[in-house]
C-alpha atoms as a PDB file:
ATOM      1  CA  MET A   1      -2.102 -21.741  12.827  1.00  0.00           C
ATOM      2  CA  GLU A   2      -4.300 -20.766   9.919  1.00  0.00           C
ATOM      3  CA  ALA A   3      -3.806 -17.970   7.381  1.00  0.00           C
ATOM      4  CA  LYS A   4      -6.781 -15.661   6.814  1.00  0.00           C
ATOM      5  CA  ALA A   5      -7.396 -13.524   3.731  1.00  0.00           C
ATOM      6  CA  VAL A   6      -8.389  -9.903   4.286  1.00  0.00           C
ATOM      7  CA  SER A   7     -10.697  -8.031   1.954  1.00  0.00           C
ATOM      8  CA  THR A   8     -12.111  -4.516   2.150  1.00  0.00           C
ATOM      9  CA  ASP A   9     -14.005  -2.386  -0.333  1.00  0.00           C
ATOM     10  CA  LYS A  10     -12.355   0.699   1.220  1.00  0.00           C
ATOM     11  CA  ALA A  11      -9.263  -0.041  -0.861  1.00  0.00           C
ATOM     12  CA  PRO A  12      -9.229  -0.962  -4.549  1.00  0.00           C
ATOM     13  CA  VAL A  13      -8.845  -4.455  -5.922  1.00  0.00           C
ATOM     14  CA  VAL A  14      -8.481  -4.718  -9.673  1.00  0.00           C
ATOM     15  CA  GLY A  15      -8.003  -7.444 -12.204  1.00  0.00           C
ATOM     16  CA  PHE A  16      -4.866  -7.649 -14.273  1.00  0.00           C
ATOM     17  CA  SER A  17      -6.724  -7.782 -17.550  1.00  0.00           C
ATOM     18  CA  SER A  18     -10.182  -6.683 -18.495  1.00  0.00           C
ATOM     19  CA  GLY A  19     -12.886  -8.635 -16.702  1.00  0.00           C
ATOM     20  CA  THR A  20     -10.575 -10.778 -14.573  1.00  0.00           C
ATOM     21  CA  LYS A  21     -10.437 -11.074 -10.818  1.00  0.00           C
ATOM     22  CA  ALA A  22      -7.062 -10.286  -9.260  1.00  0.00           C
ATOM     23  CA  PRO A  23      -5.153 -13.465  -8.344  1.00  0.00           C
ATOM     24  CA  LEU A  24      -4.203 -12.138  -4.901  1.00  0.00           C
ATOM     25  CA  SER A  25      -5.537 -11.206  -1.482  1.00  0.00           C
ATOM     26  CA  GLN A  26      -5.418  -7.608  -0.308  1.00  0.00           C
ATOM     27  CA  ALA A  27      -3.693  -8.943   2.793  1.00  0.00           C
ATOM     28  CA  ILE A  28      -3.072 -12.167   4.663  1.00  0.00           C
ATOM     29  CA  VAL A  29      -3.120 -12.418   8.444  1.00  0.00           C
ATOM     30  CA  PHE A  30      -0.948 -15.187   9.851  1.00  0.00           C
ATOM     31  CA  GLY A  31      -0.561 -15.261  13.614  1.00  0.00           C
ATOM     32  CA  ASN A  32       0.129 -11.684  14.698  1.00  0.00           C
ATOM     33  CA  ILE A  33       1.465 -10.596  11.312  1.00  0.00           C
ATOM     34  CA  VAL A  34      -0.343  -8.818   8.466  1.00  0.00           C
ATOM     35  CA  LEU A  35       1.174  -9.178   4.994  1.00  0.00           C
ATOM     36  CA  CYS A  36      -0.339  -6.440   2.844  1.00  0.00           C
ATOM     37  CA  SER A  37      -0.250  -6.701  -0.945  1.00  0.00           C
ATOM     38  CA  GLY A  38       1.065  -3.773  -2.931  1.00  0.00           C
ATOM     39  CA  GLN A  39      -1.278  -0.820  -3.108  1.00  0.00           C
ATOM     40  CA  GLY A  40      -1.289   1.920  -5.702  1.00  0.00           C
ATOM     41  CA  PRO A  41      -2.931   5.285  -6.382  1.00  0.00           C
ATOM     42  CA  LEU A  42      -6.292   3.891  -7.431  1.00  0.00           C
ATOM     43  CA  ASP A  43      -9.578   5.419  -6.390  1.00  0.00           C
ATOM     44  CA  PRO A  44     -11.305   2.839  -4.135  1.00  0.00           C
ATOM     45  CA  GLU A  45     -14.651   3.367  -5.889  1.00  0.00           C
ATOM     46  CA  THR A  46     -13.714   3.677  -9.571  1.00  0.00           C
ATOM     47  CA  HIS A  47     -10.573   1.477  -9.474  1.00  0.00           C
ATOM     48  CA  THR A  48      -8.856   3.922 -11.814  1.00  0.00           C
ATOM     49  CA  VAL A  49      -5.679   5.950 -11.357  1.00  0.00           C
ATOM     50  CA  ALA A  50      -6.964   8.961  -9.453  1.00  0.00           C
ATOM     51  CA  THR A  51      -4.344  11.527 -10.471  1.00  0.00           C
ATOM     52  CA  ASP A  52      -1.118  11.905 -12.408  1.00  0.00           C
ATOM     53  CA  ASP A  53       0.458  14.089  -9.686  1.00  0.00           C
ATOM     54  CA  PHE A  54       3.236  12.088  -8.003  1.00  0.00           C
ATOM     55  CA  GLU A  55       2.737  13.443  -4.486  1.00  0.00           C
ATOM     56  CA  GLU A  56      -1.027  12.884  -4.640  1.00  0.00           C
ATOM     57  CA  GLN A  57      -0.416   9.351  -5.952  1.00  0.00           C
ATOM     58  CA  THR A  58       1.958   8.660  -3.075  1.00  0.00           C
ATOM     59  CA  LEU A  59      -0.499   9.860  -0.432  1.00  0.00           C
ATOM     60  CA  LEU A  60      -3.412   7.905  -1.927  1.00  0.00           C
ATOM     61  CA  THR A  61      -1.219   4.798  -2.156  1.00  0.00           C
ATOM     62  CA  LEU A  62      -0.309   5.058   1.536  1.00  0.00           C
ATOM     63  CA  GLN A  63      -3.951   5.700   2.466  1.00  0.00           C
ATOM     64  CA  ASN A  64      -5.070   2.627   0.490  1.00  0.00           C
ATOM     65  CA  MET A  65      -2.398   0.547   2.218  1.00  0.00           C
ATOM     66  CA  LEU A  66      -3.549   1.785   5.616  1.00  0.00           C
ATOM     67  CA  ARG A  67      -7.184   0.929   4.809  1.00  0.00           C
ATOM     68  CA  VAL A  68      -6.165  -2.671   4.149  1.00  0.00           C
ATOM     69  CA  VAL A  69      -4.006  -2.777   7.296  1.00  0.00           C
ATOM     70  CA  GLU A  70      -6.922  -1.460   9.352  1.00  0.00           C
ATOM     71  CA  ALA A  71      -9.323  -3.980   7.781  1.00  0.00           C
ATOM     72  CA  ALA A  72      -6.916  -6.664   9.012  1.00  0.00           C
ATOM     73  CA  GLY A  73      -7.181  -5.292  12.565  1.00  0.00           C
ATOM     74  CA  SER A  74      -3.897  -3.407  12.701  1.00  0.00           C
ATOM     75  CA  SER A  75      -2.968   0.284  12.602  1.00  0.00           C
ATOM     76  CA  ARG A  76      -0.513   2.799  11.192  1.00  0.00           C
ATOM     77  CA  GLU A  77       1.556   2.592  14.394  1.00  0.00           C
ATOM     78  CA  LEU A  78       1.993  -1.169  13.930  1.00  0.00           C
ATOM     79  CA  ILE A  79       3.276  -1.032  10.346  1.00  0.00           C
ATOM     80  CA  LEU A  80       6.699  -2.610  10.723  1.00  0.00           C
ATOM     81  CA  LYS A  81       8.174  -2.680   7.208  1.00  0.00           C
ATOM     82  CA  CYS A  82       7.333  -1.073   3.872  1.00  0.00           C
ATOM     83  CA  ASN A  83       8.595  -2.061   0.446  1.00  0.00           C
ATOM     84  CA  CYS A  84       8.224   0.908  -1.863  1.00  0.00           C
ATOM     85  CA  TYR A  85       8.372   0.937  -5.651  1.00  0.00           C
ATOM     86  CA  VAL A  86       8.908   4.248  -7.441  1.00  0.00           C
ATOM     87  CA  ARG A  87       8.773   4.422 -11.231  1.00  0.00           C
ATOM     88  CA  ASP A  88      11.153   7.406 -11.551  1.00  0.00           C
ATOM     89  CA  MET A  89      13.815   8.013  -8.896  1.00  0.00           C
ATOM     90  CA  GLU A  90      13.760  11.719  -9.738  1.00  0.00           C
ATOM     91  CA  ASN A  91      10.595  11.649  -7.582  1.00  0.00           C
ATOM     92  CA  PHE A  92      12.432  10.085  -4.625  1.00  0.00           C
ATOM     93  CA  PRO A  93      12.691  13.377  -2.644  1.00  0.00           C
ATOM     94  CA  LYS A  94       8.936  13.957  -3.122  1.00  0.00           C
ATOM     95  CA  PHE A  95       8.241  10.369  -2.067  1.00  0.00           C
ATOM     96  CA  ASN A  96      10.307  10.826   1.105  1.00  0.00           C
ATOM     97  CA  ALA A  97       8.488  14.043   2.012  1.00  0.00           C
ATOM     98  CA  VAL A  98       5.008  12.499   1.676  1.00  0.00           C
ATOM     99  CA  TYR A  99       6.107   9.273   3.416  1.00  0.00           C
ATOM    100  CA  ARG A 100       7.623  11.255   6.317  1.00  0.00           C
ATOM    101  CA  ARG A 101       4.421  13.276   6.821  1.00  0.00           C
ATOM    102  CA  PHE A 102       2.304  10.103   6.669  1.00  0.00           C
ATOM    103  CA  PHE A 103       4.255   8.374   9.463  1.00  0.00           C
ATOM    104  CA  GLU A 104       5.591  11.351  11.456  1.00  0.00           C
ATOM    105  CA  ASP A 105       3.086  11.046  14.312  1.00  0.00           C
ATOM    106  CA  CYS A 106       3.940   7.363  14.864  1.00  0.00           C
ATOM    107  CA  PRO A 107       6.345   6.330  17.639  1.00  0.00           C
ATOM    108  CA  ARG A 108       8.851   5.189  14.973  1.00  0.00           C
ATOM    109  CA  PHE A 109       9.188   4.999  11.220  1.00  0.00           C
ATOM    110  CA  PRO A 110       8.754   1.526   9.706  1.00  0.00           C
ATOM    111  CA  ALA A 111      11.781  -0.271   8.316  1.00  0.00           C
ATOM    112  CA  ARG A 112      11.810   0.397   4.586  1.00  0.00           C
ATOM    113  CA  THR A 113      13.201  -0.590   1.227  1.00  0.00           C
ATOM    114  CA  THR A 114      12.692   1.665  -1.795  1.00  0.00           C
ATOM    115  CA  VAL A 115      13.561   0.610  -5.324  1.00  0.00           C
ATOM    116  CA  GLN A 116      12.995   1.912  -8.813  1.00  0.00           C
ATOM    117  CA  ALA A 117      10.474  -0.283 -10.607  1.00  0.00           C
ATOM    118  CA  SER A 118       7.814  -0.061 -13.269  1.00  0.00           C
ATOM    119  CA  PRO A 119       4.446  -0.942 -11.723  1.00  0.00           C
ATOM    120  CA  PRO A 120       2.355  -3.172 -14.009  1.00  0.00           C
ATOM    121  CA  ARG A 121      -0.427  -0.656 -14.648  1.00  0.00           C
ATOM    122  CA  GLU A 122      -0.117   2.332 -16.976  1.00  0.00           C
ATOM    123  CA  GLY A 123      -0.153   5.667 -15.123  1.00  0.00           C
ATOM    124  CA  VAL A 124       0.874   4.213 -11.749  1.00  0.00           C
ATOM    125  CA  LEU A 125       3.952   6.048 -10.504  1.00  0.00           C
ATOM    126  CA  VAL A 126       4.259   4.427  -7.070  1.00  0.00           C
ATOM    127  CA  GLU A 127       3.296   1.228  -5.242  1.00  0.00           C
ATOM    128  CA  VAL A 128       3.765   0.293  -1.581  1.00  0.00           C
ATOM    129  CA  GLU A 129       3.368  -2.994   0.285  1.00  0.00           C
ATOM    130  CA  CYS A 130       3.868  -3.587   3.977  1.00  0.00           C
ATOM    131  CA  ILE A 131       4.126  -5.958   6.886  1.00  0.00           C
ATOM    132  CA  ALA A 132       2.262  -4.947  10.048  1.00  0.00           C
ATOM    133  CA  GLY A 133       1.783  -6.454  13.471  1.00  0.00           C
ATOM    134  CA  LEU A 134      -1.424  -7.067  15.368  1.00  0.00           C
ATOM    135  CA  ALA A 135      -1.833  -5.787  18.901  1.00  0.00           C
ATOM    136  CA  ASP A 136      -2.121  -8.518  21.535  1.00  0.00           C
END
């Protein structure tokens, strides 16, 4: 079985320092599993933090994650597990509300872990990564 890197310009990819290419893939497909790298609230075109509003950052982060998942051939309904990183846990209730709305029309919510962490980019208040399945 071979691993395949996934890349889409519908979700942002940024370097970690000025002028560098990110040392990661947006996602890897291995068998029927999609391993999606962490996504944040970056505008897919400008690659900059799109807003400082936490709820808007959360929604954009989830949308960016879904764009990568879809580029890999999966869908929102097949997202199995999310690892969520929130800079300030005072925003946890807001995160839950946006997350619930994002997945509420799916047959089930993904398994999830949420931790307080400082994302590596200034202004980023939330980051989400996921594991998704591929339909047979």
